[in-house]
Protein backbone atom coordinates (compact mmCIF):
# COMPACT_ATOMS: atom_id res chain seq x y z
CA MET A 1 -35.57 195.29 152.84
CA THR A 2 -36.37 196.73 149.45
CA LYS A 3 -34.00 198.40 147.01
CA ALA A 4 -35.48 201.80 147.89
CA GLU A 5 -34.85 201.20 151.60
CA THR A 6 -31.29 200.12 150.83
CA ILE A 7 -30.70 203.27 148.81
CA SER A 8 -32.08 205.43 151.64
CA ARG A 9 -29.85 203.78 154.24
CA ILE A 10 -26.74 204.17 152.07
CA ALA A 11 -27.62 207.84 151.44
CA ASP A 12 -28.06 208.41 155.20
CA LYS A 13 -24.75 206.74 156.08
CA THR A 14 -22.67 208.39 153.35
CA GLY A 15 -24.29 211.80 152.98
CA ILE A 16 -24.60 211.28 149.21
CA GLN A 17 -27.88 212.30 147.60
CA ILE A 18 -30.43 209.55 146.99
CA ASP A 19 -30.45 209.93 143.19
CA GLU A 20 -26.65 209.55 143.07
CA VAL A 21 -26.74 206.47 145.31
CA GLU A 22 -29.42 204.97 143.06
CA LYS A 23 -27.24 205.51 139.97
CA ILE A 24 -24.24 203.91 141.69
CA LEU A 25 -26.24 200.93 142.90
CA GLU A 26 -27.82 200.40 139.47
CA ALA A 27 -24.38 200.59 137.84
CA PHE A 28 -23.12 197.96 140.30
CA PHE A 29 -26.05 195.64 139.54
CA ILE A 30 -25.59 196.05 135.78
CA THR A 31 -21.85 195.38 136.07
CA VAL A 32 -22.43 192.22 138.11
CA LYS A 33 -25.12 190.92 135.74
CA ASN A 34 -23.07 191.63 132.62
CA SER A 35 -19.87 190.13 134.03
CA VAL A 36 -21.49 186.98 135.38
CA SER A 37 -23.53 186.47 132.18
CA GLN A 38 -20.24 186.56 130.22
CA GLY A 39 -18.77 183.89 132.52
CA ASP A 40 -16.61 186.18 134.65
CA ASN A 41 -16.62 185.83 138.43
CA ILE A 42 -16.65 188.84 140.76
CA TYR A 43 -14.91 188.69 144.13
CA VAL A 44 -15.66 191.34 146.77
CA ARG A 45 -13.33 190.85 149.73
CA GLY A 46 -15.20 190.73 153.05
CA PHE A 47 -18.58 190.41 151.31
CA GLY A 48 -18.66 187.44 148.94
CA SER A 49 -18.35 186.19 145.39
CA PHE A 50 -20.71 186.31 142.44
CA ILE A 51 -19.81 183.22 140.44
CA VAL A 52 -21.06 181.13 137.55
CA LYS A 53 -21.84 177.49 138.25
CA GLN A 54 -22.39 174.96 135.52
CA ARG A 55 -25.17 172.42 135.89
CA ALA A 56 -24.64 169.12 134.12
CA LYS A 57 -27.08 167.61 131.64
CA LYS A 58 -29.67 165.48 133.43
CA THR A 59 -32.89 163.62 132.89
CA ALA A 60 -36.06 164.54 134.73
CA ARG A 61 -39.55 163.14 134.82
CA ASN A 62 -42.80 164.86 133.99
CA ILE A 63 -45.03 163.01 136.44
CA SER A 64 -48.34 164.23 135.01
CA LEU A 65 -47.50 162.99 131.49
CA ASN A 66 -45.29 160.10 132.66
CA THR A 67 -42.52 161.10 130.27
CA THR A 68 -38.79 161.66 130.54
CA VAL A 69 -37.42 165.12 129.81
CA ILE A 70 -33.75 165.85 129.13
CA ILE A 71 -32.52 169.07 130.69
CA PRO A 72 -29.39 170.30 128.87
CA ALA A 73 -26.27 171.55 130.64
CA HIS A 74 -26.58 175.19 131.59
CA ASN A 75 -24.97 177.94 133.65
CA ILE A 76 -26.54 179.54 136.71
CA PRO A 77 -25.52 182.59 138.75
CA PHE A 78 -24.52 181.87 142.35
CA PHE A 79 -23.59 184.05 145.32
CA LYS A 80 -21.18 182.67 147.89
CA PRO A 81 -20.91 184.85 151.01
CA SER A 82 -17.51 185.38 152.64
CA LYS A 83 -16.69 183.79 155.98
CA GLU A 84 -16.86 187.22 157.60
CA PHE A 85 -20.35 187.80 156.18
CA THR A 86 -21.51 184.31 157.21
CA ASN A 87 -20.19 184.73 160.75
CA GLN A 88 -21.85 188.12 161.12
CA VAL A 89 -25.21 186.67 160.08
CA LYS A 90 -24.78 183.71 162.47
CA GLU A 91 -23.96 186.01 165.39
CA GLY A 92 -26.61 188.57 164.47
CA ALA A 93 -24.08 191.36 165.00
CA LEU A 94 -24.70 194.82 163.62
CA VAL A 95 -21.91 196.91 162.15
């Protein structure tokens, strides 16, 4: 499903105009990206959590050049679905 399809479905279910739904969805995405990039976690009850995970420094190998490369510690965004969300996907139930 694309973002446009998601916006259309939300507009159909809520009765809100498509352009307003698009603004709301964009604001949500921007808020999540800004918060997670600043190291803040976002918890949405019944849906899941947008969290920051820290990867440790590690060494890797470049096989083609036969050299060792050091990858520094870094943060990555991660989404952890709620148990309710996970169970719904497992059961294939529609709401």
